[in-house]
Structure formats: C-alpha cells, structure tokens
Amino acid sequence: MKRISVLGLVLALGVLALAAVAFAGRGHDKGDARSFSAKLNGWEEDPSQVTTGKGSFRAHIDSATQISFTLKYRALEGPAFMAHIHIGSRHETGGVSAWLCGGTTQPPCPPDQTTEAVVNGTIQADDITGPATQGVEPGNFADLIRAIRKGETYTNVHTVTRAPNGEIRGQNHVSDDDDHDHGDRKRH
C-alpha cells in the first residue's frame, strides 16, 4: 500500500513540475507586448568591454508599422557614430535589423562624450534592413516585432576610436511601462 502512495506522490509531483516548466516557457513570448527597454553597458557586448559608458533604450510599438524610441547614452570612451537594434540572443552577435542613429535611414548620432546624448525617433518598415541571413527580410516590420517580443534582439552603440564593433549594449526586454515620452519623432 505504501508503494502505491509513494508512486502516486511521485507521479503528482512530476505532473506539477511539467506544468510549471510549460507555464514558465509561455512567459518568454510576449505576443501582444507593446513596450520594451534595455540597459546598455560594456559587459553586455560580445566580447565584453570594460568601459565607463552606460545607456538606456526605451521603445513603444505604436502600430503595426511604427515603433517610437528614445536612446540615451553617456560617458562613452569614444565618440558615438552608430546605434542600432540587432537580432541576437544575450552575448551572441547578430545582424543589424534597424538603425537608431547613423547609417542611411536615421540622423547622425550625437558624438559628444561628456554629456548625456538623447536620440528620439521612429522605426518604420522602410527602416528595417534585415538581416536576411537570420530570416528578417529588408522592410519586414512584423519579423522584427516577433524577435523583439521573443527577447531575441539587443540594442548597442558603436564608438569611432574606442569600440567600432560596439562599446555598450543591452538585451531588449518587454517592459510593463506603456507610458513614456519619446519627444520629437523623426518624420518620413
């Protein structure tokens, strides 16, 4: 009789454990999330960078065709020249998907290293550059949104002399805050 009770208890615990794993896995896909953010620092770069630079990124999916964003950075050890969203997991280098400043689709990045730089703008379908090798075709806004909601994108800032491959970076995470100001938005 004891053997049946122990077997029943083990079986019940196993079912509970499987249910907990299934429930936890569902939390990673935020299918309808509209806001996301990242804290940027050198430790998140690949490879990690020892730098005084820090930053933040906040964005909101305004519609099926537009994201508004605010990128802030300070104390960089070189002048910033580009920043973008990449498709990639934490500590994994991925391809560029959308430019935030620099490049051909956004204004130049503020290069000042001594004060906080603030970049406000929007990303629209024509700002999506790919990466096609990772399944995101140029202009495919929906695929970028899917990657963001899965937690598979990061934001980083590159500097001219200090870290051309990226000085600060942060993994984009779904944010509960849907109420943030993006200031003046870029016009297309």
N, C-alpha and C. Protein backbone atom coordinates (compact mmCIF):
# COMPACT_ATOMS: atom_id res chain seq x y z
N MET A 1 0.81 -1.19 0.00
CA MET A 1 0.00 0.00 0.00
C MET A 1 0.86 1.26 0.00
N LYS A 2 1.97 1.20 0.82
CA LYS A 2 2.86 2.36 0.85
C LYS A 2 3.48 2.62 -0.51
N ARG A 3 3.78 1.53 -1.22
CA ARG A 3 4.41 1.66 -2.53
C ARG A 3 3.48 2.41 -3.49
N ILE A 4 2.20 2.15 -3.48
CA ILE A 4 1.23 2.82 -4.34
C ILE A 4 1.13 4.30 -3.96
N SER A 5 1.13 4.61 -2.67
CA SER A 5 1.06 6.01 -2.22
C SER A 5 2.28 6.79 -2.66
N VAL A 6 3.47 6.20 -2.51
CA VAL A 6 4.71 6.87 -2.93
C VAL A 6 4.71 7.06 -4.44
N LEU A 7 4.28 6.04 -5.18
CA LEU A 7 4.22 6.14 -6.63
C LEU A 7 3.25 7.25 -7.05
N GLY A 8 2.11 7.33 -6.40
CA GLY A 8 1.13 8.38 -6.68
C GLY A 8 1.69 9.76 -6.40
N LEU A 9 2.41 9.89 -5.28
CA LEU A 9 3.02 11.17 -4.92
C LEU A 9 4.08 11.58 -5.94
N VAL A 10 4.92 10.66 -6.35
CA VAL A 10 5.95 10.94 -7.36
C VAL A 10 5.31 11.35 -8.68
N LEU A 11 4.27 10.64 -9.08
CA LEU A 11 3.56 10.96 -10.31
C LEU A 11 2.94 12.35 -10.24
N ALA A 12 2.31 12.68 -9.14
CA ALA A 12 1.71 14.01 -8.97
C ALA A 12 2.76 15.11 -9.01
N LEU A 13 3.87 14.90 -8.34
CA LEU A 13 4.96 15.88 -8.37
C LEU A 13 5.52 16.04 -9.78
N GLY A 14 5.63 14.96 -10.51
CA GLY A 14 6.11 15.03 -11.90
C GLY A 14 5.19 15.85 -12.78
N VAL A 15 3.88 15.64 -12.64
CA VAL A 15 2.90 16.40 -13.41
C VAL A 15 2.99 17.88 -13.06
N LEU A 16 3.11 18.19 -11.78
CA LEU A 16 3.25 19.59 -11.35
C LEU A 16 4.52 20.23 -11.91
N ALA A 17 5.61 19.48 -11.91
CA ALA A 17 6.87 20.01 -12.45
C ALA A 17 6.75 20.30 -13.93
N LEU A 18 6.14 19.38 -14.69
CA LEU A 18 5.94 19.61 -16.12
C LEU A 18 5.04 20.82 -16.38
N ALA A 19 4.00 20.97 -15.59
CA ALA A 19 3.10 22.12 -15.74
C ALA A 19 3.85 23.42 -15.45
N ALA A 20 4.71 23.42 -14.43
CA ALA A 20 5.48 24.62 -14.09
C ALA A 20 6.44 24.99 -15.22
N VAL A 21 7.10 24.01 -15.82
CA VAL A 21 8.01 24.27 -16.93
C VAL A 21 7.24 24.82 -18.13
N ALA A 22 6.11 24.24 -18.44
CA ALA A 22 5.30 24.70 -19.57
C ALA A 22 4.81 26.12 -19.34
N PHE A 23 4.38 26.41 -18.13
CA PHE A 23 3.89 27.75 -17.80
C PHE A 23 5.03 28.77 -17.87
N ALA A 24 6.20 28.43 -17.37
CA ALA A 24 7.35 29.35 -17.40
C ALA A 24 7.78 29.62 -18.83
N GLY A 25 7.73 28.62 -19.69
CA GLY A 25 8.10 28.81 -21.09
C GLY A 25 7.19 29.77 -21.82
N ARG A 26 5.92 29.81 -21.43
CA ARG A 26 4.96 30.71 -22.07
C ARG A 26 5.28 32.16 -21.76
N GLY A 27 5.90 32.45 -20.63
CA GLY A 27 6.16 33.83 -20.23
C GLY A 27 7.18 34.52 -21.11
N HIS A 28 8.01 33.78 -21.83
CA HIS A 28 9.06 34.38 -22.65
C HIS A 28 8.51 35.00 -23.94
N ASP A 29 7.41 34.47 -24.45
CA ASP A 29 6.82 35.00 -25.67
C ASP A 29 5.73 35.99 -25.30
N LYS A 30 6.01 37.26 -25.40
CA LYS A 30 5.06 38.31 -25.06
C LYS A 30 4.36 38.75 -26.33
N GLY A 31 3.44 37.92 -26.82
CA GLY A 31 2.80 38.08 -28.11
C GLY A 31 2.13 39.41 -28.38
N ASP A 32 1.67 40.11 -27.36
CA ASP A 32 0.99 41.37 -27.60
C ASP A 32 1.67 42.55 -26.92
N ALA A 33 2.85 42.35 -26.39
CA ALA A 33 3.56 43.42 -25.69
C ALA A 33 3.82 44.59 -26.63
N ARG A 34 3.71 45.79 -26.11
CA ARG A 34 3.88 46.99 -26.93
C ARG A 34 5.10 47.81 -26.51
N SER A 35 5.64 47.62 -25.31
CA SER A 35 6.78 48.41 -24.85
C SER A 35 7.94 47.50 -24.50
N PHE A 36 9.14 47.98 -24.76
CA PHE A 36 10.33 47.23 -24.40
C PHE A 36 11.45 48.20 -24.08
N SER A 37 12.46 47.70 -23.37
CA SER A 37 13.56 48.57 -22.94
C SER A 37 14.82 47.75 -22.72
N ALA A 38 15.94 48.46 -22.58
CA ALA A 38 17.22 47.82 -22.31
C ALA A 38 18.11 48.78 -21.55
N LYS A 39 18.94 48.24 -20.68
CA LYS A 39 20.01 48.99 -20.02
C LYS A 39 21.29 48.61 -20.74
N LEU A 40 22.02 49.60 -21.21
CA LEU A 40 23.21 49.35 -22.02
C LEU A 40 24.47 49.56 -21.18
N ASN A 41 25.41 48.63 -21.30
CA ASN A 41 26.73 48.76 -20.68
C ASN A 41 27.72 47.89 -21.45
N GLY A 42 28.98 48.01 -21.13
CA GLY A 42 30.01 47.27 -21.84
C GLY A 42 30.03 45.78 -21.57
N TRP A 43 29.54 45.37 -20.42
CA TRP A 43 29.56 43.95 -20.06
C TRP A 43 28.66 43.12 -20.96
N GLU A 44 27.66 43.74 -21.57
CA GLU A 44 26.74 43.00 -22.44
C GLU A 44 27.29 42.83 -23.86
N GLU A 45 28.34 43.56 -24.21
CA GLU A 45 28.92 43.44 -25.56
C GLU A 45 29.52 42.06 -25.76
N ASP A 46 29.75 41.69 -27.02
CA ASP A 46 30.38 40.41 -27.38
C ASP A 46 31.57 40.70 -28.27
N PRO A 47 32.80 40.67 -27.73
CA PRO A 47 33.16 40.35 -26.35
C PRO A 47 32.88 41.53 -25.42
N SER A 48 32.83 41.24 -24.11
CA SER A 48 32.57 42.27 -23.11
C SER A 48 33.60 43.39 -23.22
N GLN A 49 33.15 44.62 -22.92
CA GLN A 49 34.01 45.80 -22.97
C GLN A 49 34.08 46.42 -21.57
N VAL A 50 35.29 46.73 -21.13
CA VAL A 50 35.47 47.45 -19.87
C VAL A 50 35.43 48.92 -20.23
N THR A 51 34.35 49.60 -19.89
CA THR A 51 34.13 50.98 -20.29
C THR A 51 33.32 51.72 -19.22
N THR A 52 33.44 53.03 -19.22
CA THR A 52 32.63 53.85 -18.33
C THR A 52 31.27 54.15 -18.96
N GLY A 53 31.10 53.82 -20.23
CA GLY A 53 29.87 54.12 -20.95
C GLY A 53 28.67 53.37 -20.40
N LYS A 54 27.53 54.05 -20.41
CA LYS A 54 26.26 53.48 -19.98
C LYS A 54 25.16 54.07 -20.85
N GLY A 55 24.02 53.42 -20.88
CA GLY A 55 22.92 53.96 -21.65
C GLY A 55 21.62 53.24 -21.36
N SER A 56 20.57 53.72 -22.02
CA SER A 56 19.26 53.09 -21.90
C SER A 56 18.53 53.21 -23.23
N PHE A 57 17.62 52.29 -23.44
CA PHE A 57 16.80 52.28 -24.65
C PHE A 57 15.39 51.96 -24.24
N ARG A 58 14.44 52.77 -24.69
CA ARG A 58 13.02 52.54 -24.42
C ARG A 58 12.28 52.70 -25.74
N ALA A 59 11.36 51.80 -25.99
CA ALA A 59 10.62 51.85 -27.25
C ALA A 59 9.18 51.41 -27.04
N HIS A 60 8.35 51.87 -27.95
CA HIS A 60 6.93 51.53 -27.91
C HIS A 60 6.46 51.21 -29.32
N ILE A 61 5.76 50.09 -29.46
CA ILE A 61 5.18 49.73 -30.75
C ILE A 61 3.89 50.52 -30.88
N ASP A 62 3.93 51.56 -31.71
CA ASP A 62 2.79 52.45 -31.88
C ASP A 62 1.69 51.83 -32.72
N SER A 63 2.09 51.05 -33.73
CA SER A 63 1.13 50.44 -34.65
C SER A 63 1.81 49.26 -35.33
N ALA A 64 1.13 48.64 -36.25
CA ALA A 64 1.70 47.51 -36.98
C ALA A 64 2.81 47.95 -37.93
N THR A 65 3.04 49.25 -38.04
CA THR A 65 4.06 49.75 -38.97
C THR A 65 5.00 50.80 -38.36
N GLN A 66 4.93 51.01 -37.03
CA GLN A 66 5.82 52.04 -36.45
C GLN A 66 6.16 51.74 -34.99
N ILE A 67 7.45 51.96 -34.67
CA ILE A 67 7.97 51.93 -33.31
C ILE A 67 8.53 53.32 -33.03
N SER A 68 8.20 53.88 -31.88
CA SER A 68 8.86 55.12 -31.45
C SER A 68 9.86 54.76 -30.36
N PHE A 69 10.97 55.50 -30.29
CA PHE A 69 12.03 55.13 -29.34
C PHE A 69 12.76 56.34 -28.78
N THR A 70 13.41 56.09 -27.64
CA THR A 70 14.36 57.03 -27.03
C THR A 70 15.60 56.23 -26.65
N LEU A 71 16.74 56.65 -27.17
CA LEU A 71 18.03 56.08 -26.85
C LEU A 71 18.82 57.14 -26.09
N LYS A 72 19.40 56.77 -24.95
CA LYS A 72 20.24 57.68 -24.17
C LYS A 72 21.56 56.99 -23.90
N TYR A 73 22.65 57.77 -23.97
CA TYR A 73 23.95 57.23 -23.59
C TYR A 73 24.82 58.34 -23.03
N ARG A 74 25.81 57.93 -22.20
CA ARG A 74 26.70 58.89 -21.56
C ARG A 74 28.03 58.22 -21.20
N ALA A 75 29.03 59.04 -20.97
CA ALA A 75 30.35 58.61 -20.51
C ALA A 75 31.00 57.58 -21.43
N LEU A 76 30.71 57.66 -22.73
CA LEU A 76 31.37 56.76 -23.67
C LEU A 76 32.84 57.13 -23.74
N GLU A 77 33.68 56.18 -24.07
CA GLU A 77 35.12 56.43 -24.15
C GLU A 77 35.58 56.74 -25.56
N GLY A 78 34.64 56.94 -26.45
CA GLY A 78 34.91 57.36 -27.82
C GLY A 78 33.65 58.01 -28.36
N PRO A 79 33.76 58.81 -29.42
CA PRO A 79 32.57 59.44 -29.99
C PRO A 79 31.66 58.41 -30.67
N ALA A 80 30.37 58.47 -30.36
CA ALA A 80 29.40 57.56 -30.97
C ALA A 80 29.25 57.88 -32.45
N PHE A 81 29.12 56.84 -33.26
CA PHE A 81 28.89 57.08 -34.69
C PHE A 81 27.74 56.24 -35.25
N MET A 82 27.29 55.22 -34.53
CA MET A 82 26.11 54.49 -34.97
C MET A 82 25.53 53.70 -33.80
N ALA A 83 24.21 53.47 -33.91
CA ALA A 83 23.50 52.66 -32.93
C ALA A 83 22.36 51.96 -33.66
N HIS A 84 22.07 50.74 -33.23
CA HIS A 84 21.00 50.00 -33.90
C HIS A 84 20.47 48.86 -33.06
N ILE A 85 19.40 48.26 -33.56
CA ILE A 85 18.83 47.04 -32.99
C ILE A 85 19.34 45.87 -33.83
N HIS A 86 19.83 44.85 -33.15
CA HIS A 86 20.31 43.63 -33.80
C HIS A 86 19.37 42.48 -33.45
N ILE A 87 19.33 41.48 -34.31
CA ILE A 87 18.69 40.21 -33.99
C ILE A 87 19.76 39.36 -33.32
N GLY A 88 19.54 38.96 -32.08
CA GLY A 88 20.52 38.12 -31.40
C GLY A 88 20.20 37.93 -29.93
N SER A 89 20.60 36.77 -29.42
CA SER A 89 20.43 36.45 -28.01
C SER A 89 21.51 37.13 -27.19
N ARG A 90 21.35 37.08 -25.88
CA ARG A 90 22.33 37.67 -24.97
C ARG A 90 23.71 37.06 -25.21
N HIS A 91 24.71 37.91 -25.28
CA HIS A 91 26.11 37.53 -25.53
C HIS A 91 26.30 36.76 -26.83
N GLU A 92 25.46 37.06 -27.82
CA GLU A 92 25.60 36.48 -29.15
C GLU A 92 25.54 37.64 -30.14
N THR A 93 26.48 37.69 -31.04
CA THR A 93 26.49 38.74 -32.05
C THR A 93 25.52 38.38 -33.16
N GLY A 94 24.67 39.34 -33.52
CA GLY A 94 23.71 39.12 -34.59
C GLY A 94 23.75 40.26 -35.58
N GLY A 95 23.00 40.14 -36.64
CA GLY A 95 22.97 41.14 -37.69
C GLY A 95 22.11 42.34 -37.34
N VAL A 96 22.42 43.46 -37.99
CA VAL A 96 21.67 44.71 -37.80
C VAL A 96 20.29 44.57 -38.42
N SER A 97 19.27 45.01 -37.67
CA SER A 97 17.91 44.97 -38.18
C SER A 97 17.36 46.37 -38.41
N ALA A 98 17.63 47.31 -37.50
CA ALA A 98 17.11 48.67 -37.64
C ALA A 98 18.09 49.67 -37.02
N TRP A 99 18.34 50.75 -37.72
CA TRP A 99 19.24 51.80 -37.25
C TRP A 99 18.49 52.76 -36.34
N LEU A 100 19.18 53.22 -35.29
CA LEU A 100 18.63 54.21 -34.38
C LEU A 100 19.25 55.58 -34.64
N CYS A 101 20.54 55.59 -34.94
CA CYS A 101 21.23 56.80 -35.40
C CYS A 101 22.45 56.37 -36.19
N GLY A 102 22.91 57.23 -37.09
CA GLY A 102 23.96 56.85 -38.01
C GLY A 102 23.36 56.04 -39.15
N GLY A 103 24.17 55.55 -40.01
CA GLY A 103 23.66 54.75 -41.12
C GLY A 103 22.94 55.59 -42.15
N THR A 104 22.12 54.95 -42.97
CA THR A 104 21.46 55.66 -44.07
C THR A 104 20.01 56.03 -43.79
N THR A 105 19.38 55.41 -42.79
CA THR A 105 17.95 55.66 -42.57
C THR A 105 17.66 56.54 -41.35
N GLN A 106 18.67 56.93 -40.59
CA GLN A 106 18.45 57.75 -39.39
C GLN A 106 19.46 58.90 -39.36
N PRO A 107 19.18 59.95 -38.58
CA PRO A 107 20.13 61.07 -38.45
C PRO A 107 21.43 60.61 -37.78
N PRO A 108 22.50 61.40 -37.89
CA PRO A 108 23.76 61.05 -37.23
C PRO A 108 23.59 60.96 -35.71
N CYS A 109 24.42 60.14 -35.08
CA CYS A 109 24.42 60.03 -33.62
C CYS A 109 25.10 61.26 -33.02
N PRO A 110 24.61 61.78 -31.89
CA PRO A 110 25.34 62.83 -31.19
C PRO A 110 26.68 62.26 -30.72
N PRO A 111 27.81 62.83 -31.15
CA PRO A 111 29.11 62.24 -30.82
C PRO A 111 29.66 62.65 -29.45
N ASP A 112 29.03 63.62 -28.78
CA ASP A 112 29.56 64.16 -27.53
C ASP A 112 29.71 63.06 -26.48
N GLN A 113 30.88 63.01 -25.84
CA GLN A 113 31.17 62.01 -24.85
C GLN A 113 31.00 62.53 -23.42
N THR A 114 30.90 63.83 -23.23
CA THR A 114 30.93 64.39 -21.87
C THR A 114 29.56 64.59 -21.25
N THR A 115 28.52 64.69 -22.06
CA THR A 115 27.16 64.86 -21.52
C THR A 115 26.29 63.72 -22.02
N GLU A 116 25.10 63.63 -21.46
CA GLU A 116 24.18 62.58 -21.91
C GLU A 116 23.62 62.94 -23.28
N ALA A 117 23.71 62.00 -24.20
CA ALA A 117 23.14 62.17 -25.53
C ALA A 117 21.76 61.53 -25.53
N VAL A 118 20.81 62.18 -26.19
CA VAL A 118 19.45 61.65 -26.29
C VAL A 118 19.05 61.63 -27.76
N VAL A 119 18.60 60.47 -28.22
CA VAL A 119 18.14 60.29 -29.60
C VAL A 119 16.69 59.84 -29.54
N ASN A 120 15.79 60.64 -30.09
CA ASN A 120 14.38 60.28 -30.21
C ASN A 120 14.08 60.01 -31.68
N GLY A 121 13.29 59.00 -31.97
CA GLY A 121 12.96 58.74 -33.36
C GLY A 121 11.91 57.67 -33.52
N THR A 122 11.73 57.27 -34.76
CA THR A 122 10.80 56.20 -35.09
C THR A 122 11.47 55.20 -36.01
N ILE A 123 10.96 54.00 -35.98
CA ILE A 123 11.37 52.95 -36.91
C ILE A 123 10.12 52.54 -37.67
N GLN A 124 10.21 52.53 -38.98
CA GLN A 124 9.11 52.09 -39.82
C GLN A 124 9.62 50.98 -40.75
N ALA A 125 8.73 50.39 -41.50
CA ALA A 125 9.10 49.25 -42.34
C ALA A 125 10.29 49.56 -43.24
N ASP A 126 10.34 50.77 -43.82
CA ASP A 126 11.45 51.07 -44.72
C ASP A 126 12.78 51.25 -43.99
N ASP A 127 12.76 51.28 -42.65
CA ASP A 127 13.98 51.35 -41.85
C ASP A 127 14.55 49.98 -41.52
N ILE A 128 13.80 48.90 -41.77
CA ILE A 128 14.25 47.54 -41.45
C ILE A 128 15.20 47.08 -42.55
N THR A 129 16.44 46.79 -42.16
CA THR A 129 17.47 46.41 -43.13
C THR A 129 17.70 44.90 -43.20
N GLY A 130 17.10 44.14 -42.32
CA GLY A 130 17.32 42.70 -42.28
C GLY A 130 17.52 42.26 -40.85
N PRO A 131 18.37 41.30 -40.64
CA PRO A 131 19.28 40.59 -41.54
C PRO A 131 18.61 39.39 -42.22
N ALA A 132 18.67 39.37 -43.52
CA ALA A 132 18.06 38.29 -44.30
C ALA A 132 18.66 36.93 -43.94
N THR A 133 19.94 36.90 -43.56
CA THR A 133 20.58 35.63 -43.19
C THR A 133 20.02 35.07 -41.89
N GLN A 134 19.28 35.90 -41.13
CA GLN A 134 18.65 35.43 -39.89
C GLN A 134 17.13 35.41 -40.03
N GLY A 135 16.62 35.48 -41.26
CA GLY A 135 15.20 35.33 -41.52
C GLY A 135 14.39 36.62 -41.53
N VAL A 136 15.05 37.78 -41.45
CA VAL A 136 14.34 39.05 -41.49
C VAL A 136 14.70 39.76 -42.79
N GLU A 137 13.76 39.79 -43.70
CA GLU A 137 13.99 40.44 -44.99
C GLU A 137 13.91 41.96 -44.80
N PRO A 138 14.65 42.73 -45.60
CA PRO A 138 14.53 44.20 -45.52
C PRO A 138 13.07 44.63 -45.66
N GLY A 139 12.65 45.53 -44.78
CA GLY A 139 11.28 46.03 -44.80
C GLY A 139 10.28 45.19 -44.04
N ASN A 140 10.69 44.03 -43.50
CA ASN A 140 9.76 43.14 -42.82
C ASN A 140 9.61 43.53 -41.35
N PHE A 141 8.71 44.46 -41.11
CA PHE A 141 8.45 45.01 -39.78
C PHE A 141 7.94 43.92 -38.83
N ALA A 142 7.06 43.06 -39.31
CA ALA A 142 6.44 42.03 -38.46
C ALA A 142 7.48 41.07 -37.88
N ASP A 143 8.50 40.71 -38.67
CA ASP A 143 9.52 39.79 -38.16
C ASP A 143 10.37 40.45 -37.09
N LEU A 144 10.69 41.74 -37.24
CA LEU A 144 11.42 42.44 -36.18
C LEU A 144 10.59 42.45 -34.90
N ILE A 145 9.32 42.74 -34.99
CA ILE A 145 8.44 42.76 -33.82
C ILE A 145 8.41 41.38 -33.15
N ARG A 146 8.31 40.33 -33.94
CA ARG A 146 8.31 38.97 -33.38
C ARG A 146 9.60 38.70 -32.60
N ALA A 147 10.74 39.09 -33.17
CA ALA A 147 12.02 38.87 -32.50
C ALA A 147 12.12 39.68 -31.20
N ILE A 148 11.62 40.91 -31.23
CA ILE A 148 11.63 41.75 -30.02
C ILE A 148 10.80 41.08 -28.93
N ARG A 149 9.61 40.66 -29.27
CA ARG A 149 8.71 40.06 -28.28
C ARG A 149 9.23 38.73 -27.74
N LYS A 150 10.06 38.04 -28.51
CA LYS A 150 10.69 36.79 -28.05
C LYS A 150 11.92 37.05 -27.18
N GLY A 151 12.36 38.31 -27.09
CA GLY A 151 13.56 38.62 -26.32
C GLY A 151 14.84 38.34 -27.09
N GLU A 152 14.74 38.30 -28.41
CA GLU A 152 15.88 37.94 -29.26
C GLU A 152 16.45 39.13 -30.02
N THR A 153 16.42 40.32 -29.41
CA THR A 153 17.05 41.50 -30.01
C THR A 153 17.85 42.23 -28.94
N TYR A 154 18.85 42.96 -29.40
CA TYR A 154 19.61 43.82 -28.49
C TYR A 154 19.88 45.15 -29.17
N THR A 155 20.15 46.15 -28.36
CA THR A 155 20.47 47.48 -28.83
C THR A 155 21.92 47.77 -28.46
N ASN A 156 22.68 48.38 -29.38
CA ASN A 156 24.03 48.77 -29.00
C ASN A 156 24.46 50.07 -29.67
N VAL A 157 25.51 50.67 -29.09
CA VAL A 157 26.08 51.93 -29.57
C VAL A 157 27.55 51.66 -29.89
N HIS A 158 27.96 52.07 -31.07
CA HIS A 158 29.35 51.91 -31.53
C HIS A 158 30.08 53.24 -31.43
N THR A 159 31.35 53.19 -31.08
CA THR A 159 32.17 54.40 -30.99
C THR A 159 33.33 54.33 -31.98
N VAL A 160 33.72 55.50 -32.47
CA VAL A 160 34.72 55.58 -33.54
C VAL A 160 36.06 55.00 -33.13
N THR A 161 36.65 55.53 -32.07
CA THR A 161 38.02 55.14 -31.72
C THR A 161 38.08 54.07 -30.66
N ARG A 162 37.14 54.04 -29.74
CA ARG A 162 37.21 53.13 -28.60
C ARG A 162 36.73 51.72 -28.95
N ALA A 163 35.56 51.63 -29.56
CA ALA A 163 34.98 50.31 -29.83
C ALA A 163 34.11 50.34 -31.08
N PRO A 164 34.75 50.29 -32.26
CA PRO A 164 33.97 50.32 -33.51
C PRO A 164 32.96 49.18 -33.64
N ASN A 165 33.20 48.05 -32.97
CA ASN A 165 32.27 46.92 -33.03
C ASN A 165 31.19 46.99 -31.96
N GLY A 166 31.24 48.02 -31.12
CA GLY A 166 30.23 48.22 -30.08
C GLY A 166 30.84 48.45 -28.72
N GLU A 167 30.50 49.59 -28.11
CA GLU A 167 31.02 49.90 -26.77
C GLU A 167 30.03 49.55 -25.67
N ILE A 168 28.74 49.81 -25.91
CA ILE A 168 27.72 49.44 -24.92
C ILE A 168 26.56 48.74 -25.61
N ARG A 169 25.92 47.86 -24.85
CA ARG A 169 24.87 47.03 -25.42
C ARG A 169 23.93 46.59 -24.32
N GLY A 170 22.68 46.30 -24.69
CA GLY A 170 21.72 45.74 -23.74
C GLY A 170 20.67 44.92 -24.46
N GLN A 171 20.29 43.81 -23.86
CA GLN A 171 19.24 42.95 -24.42
C GLN A 171 17.90 43.64 -24.23
N ASN A 172 17.10 43.70 -25.27
CA ASN A 172 15.77 44.30 -25.18
C ASN A 172 14.81 43.35 -24.48
N HIS A 173 14.11 43.89 -23.48
CA HIS A 173 13.15 43.12 -22.71
C HIS A 173 11.80 43.81 -22.75
N VAL A 174 10.75 43.01 -22.69
CA VAL A 174 9.40 43.57 -22.62
C VAL A 174 9.30 44.39 -21.34
N SER A 175 8.70 45.56 -21.46
CA SER A 175 8.55 46.48 -20.34
C SER A 175 7.08 46.63 -20.01
N ASP A 176 6.77 46.78 -18.73
CA ASP A 176 5.39 46.99 -18.31
C ASP A 176 4.94 48.43 -18.51
N ASP A 177 5.88 49.34 -18.74
CA ASP A 177 5.58 50.77 -18.82
C ASP A 177 5.17 51.15 -20.23
N ASP A 178 3.88 51.37 -20.45
CA ASP A 178 3.39 51.82 -21.74
C ASP A 178 3.29 53.34 -21.81
N ASP A 179 3.75 54.04 -20.77
CA ASP A 179 3.54 55.47 -20.68
C ASP A 179 4.88 56.20 -20.62
N HIS A 180 5.55 56.33 -21.77
CA HIS A 180 6.79 57.10 -21.78
C HIS A 180 6.80 58.04 -22.96
N ASP A 181 7.51 59.15 -22.79
CA ASP A 181 7.55 60.23 -23.77
C ASP A 181 8.73 60.01 -24.71
N HIS A 182 8.48 60.14 -25.99
CA HIS A 182 9.53 59.99 -26.97
C HIS A 182 9.92 61.30 -27.61
N GLY A 183 9.36 62.40 -27.15
CA GLY A 183 9.75 63.71 -27.68
C GLY A 183 9.46 63.83 -29.15
N ASP A 184 10.28 64.62 -29.85
CA ASP A 184 10.09 64.83 -31.28
C ASP A 184 10.42 63.54 -32.02
N ARG A 185 9.55 63.16 -32.91
CA ARG A 185 9.76 61.95 -33.69
C ARG A 185 10.25 62.31 -35.08
N LYS A 186 11.07 61.43 -35.63
CA LYS A 186 11.58 61.61 -36.99
C LYS A 186 10.43 61.55 -37.97
N ARG A 187 10.47 62.39 -38.95
CA ARG A 187 9.42 62.40 -39.98
C ARG A 187 9.96 61.71 -41.23
N HIS A 188 9.09 60.91 -41.86
CA HIS A 188 9.48 60.25 -43.13
C HIS A 188 8.81 60.95 -44.27
